[in-house]
Amino acid sequence: MTYCKITTEGQAMVMPNPYRMTIANPNDAKKALIAQLDNWLEMMYTELPAYDPETQYVTDCWVEENGRAVQHWVVHSIESEA
């Protein structure tokens, strides 16, 4: 599992690996406990939405939902130069 904190800009700051603690090689349960104690959120990736790469581009941001960091996508129009 991957964990993160969400910045004020809506970006994910991924939990470093190795995470500097005195616990060596934590299993998934210990890693989840460490993350919870230090306010890290489990990252939930979502699929890229359909878009036209010739007229649109996509950015992502992260939102806390139900104690997890959930990836959200935004489709933007490419401004044409006239």
Protein backbone atom coordinates (compact mmCIF):
# COMPACT_ATOMS: atom_id res chain seq x y z
CA MET A 1 0.00 0.00 0.00
CA THR A 2 1.07 3.56 -0.65
CA TYR A 3 0.39 6.40 1.82
CA CYS A 4 0.46 10.16 1.47
CA LYS A 5 -0.46 13.51 2.99
CA ILE A 6 -2.48 15.97 0.91
CA THR A 7 -0.93 19.42 0.52
CA THR A 8 -2.93 22.65 0.54
CA GLU A 9 -2.61 22.68 -3.28
CA GLY A 10 -4.37 19.29 -3.47
CA GLN A 11 -1.22 17.39 -4.39
CA ALA A 12 -0.08 14.12 -2.81
CA MET A 13 3.12 14.10 -0.75
CA VAL A 14 4.04 10.40 -0.80
CA MET A 15 5.22 8.79 2.42
CA PRO A 16 8.99 8.33 2.12
CA ASN A 17 10.46 4.86 1.75
CA PRO A 18 12.19 4.03 3.94
CA TYR A 19 10.18 5.93 6.50
CA ARG A 20 12.62 6.92 9.28
CA MET A 21 11.49 5.03 12.39
CA THR A 22 13.06 2.39 14.57
CA ILE A 23 10.78 -0.36 13.26
CA ALA A 24 12.69 -2.53 10.80
CA ASN A 25 10.85 -4.05 7.82
CA PRO A 26 7.27 -3.47 8.97
CA ASN A 27 4.65 -5.79 7.56
CA ASP A 28 1.50 -4.28 6.01
CA ALA A 29 -0.35 -4.19 9.35
CA LYS A 30 2.51 -2.38 11.13
CA LYS A 31 2.97 0.00 8.19
CA ALA A 32 -0.76 0.85 8.33
CA LEU A 33 -0.51 1.53 12.08
CA ILE A 34 2.58 3.74 11.63
CA ALA A 35 0.84 5.67 8.85
CA GLN A 36 -2.28 6.17 10.96
CA LEU A 37 -0.29 7.36 14.00
CA ASP A 38 1.56 9.97 11.92
CA ASN A 39 -1.52 11.11 9.92
CA TRP A 40 -0.56 9.55 6.58
CA LEU A 41 -3.46 8.63 4.29
CA GLU A 42 -3.74 5.51 2.17
CA MET A 43 -3.65 6.48 -1.51
CA MET A 44 -6.52 5.35 -3.73
CA TYR A 45 -5.63 5.71 -7.41
CA THR A 46 -8.41 6.13 -9.97
CA GLU A 47 -8.50 5.57 -13.71
CA LEU A 48 -7.70 8.36 -16.13
CA PRO A 49 -10.94 9.63 -17.70
CA ALA A 50 -11.53 9.59 -21.45
CA TYR A 51 -10.36 12.77 -23.18
CA ASP A 52 -9.22 14.03 -26.59
CA PRO A 53 -5.45 14.69 -26.36
CA GLU A 54 -5.62 17.02 -29.36
CA THR A 55 -8.06 19.44 -27.70
CA GLN A 56 -7.81 18.57 -23.99
CA TYR A 57 -5.32 17.80 -21.24
CA VAL A 58 -5.75 16.20 -17.83
CA THR A 59 -4.47 17.10 -14.35
CA ASP A 60 -4.99 15.31 -11.08
CA CYS A 61 -5.45 16.41 -7.49
CA TRP A 62 -5.92 14.52 -4.24
CA VAL A 63 -8.87 14.83 -1.86
CA GLU A 64 -9.33 13.27 1.56
CA GLU A 65 -12.40 11.02 1.57
CA ASN A 66 -13.29 8.61 4.37
CA GLY A 67 -9.78 8.71 5.82
CA ARG A 68 -8.09 8.02 2.47
CA ALA A 69 -6.45 10.17 -0.19
CA VAL A 70 -8.49 9.75 -3.37
CA GLN A 71 -7.17 10.81 -6.78
CA HIS A 72 -9.50 13.11 -8.75
CA TRP A 73 -9.00 14.02 -12.42
CA VAL A 74 -9.87 17.30 -14.14
CA VAL A 75 -10.15 17.53 -17.93
CA HIS A 76 -9.14 20.95 -19.31
CA SER A 77 -9.59 22.41 -22.78
CA ILE A 78 -6.46 23.47 -24.64
CA GLU A 79 -6.75 27.14 -25.50
CA SER A 80 -6.35 27.61 -29.24
CA GLU A 81 -4.16 30.48 -30.36
CA ALA A 82 -5.95 32.70 -32.85
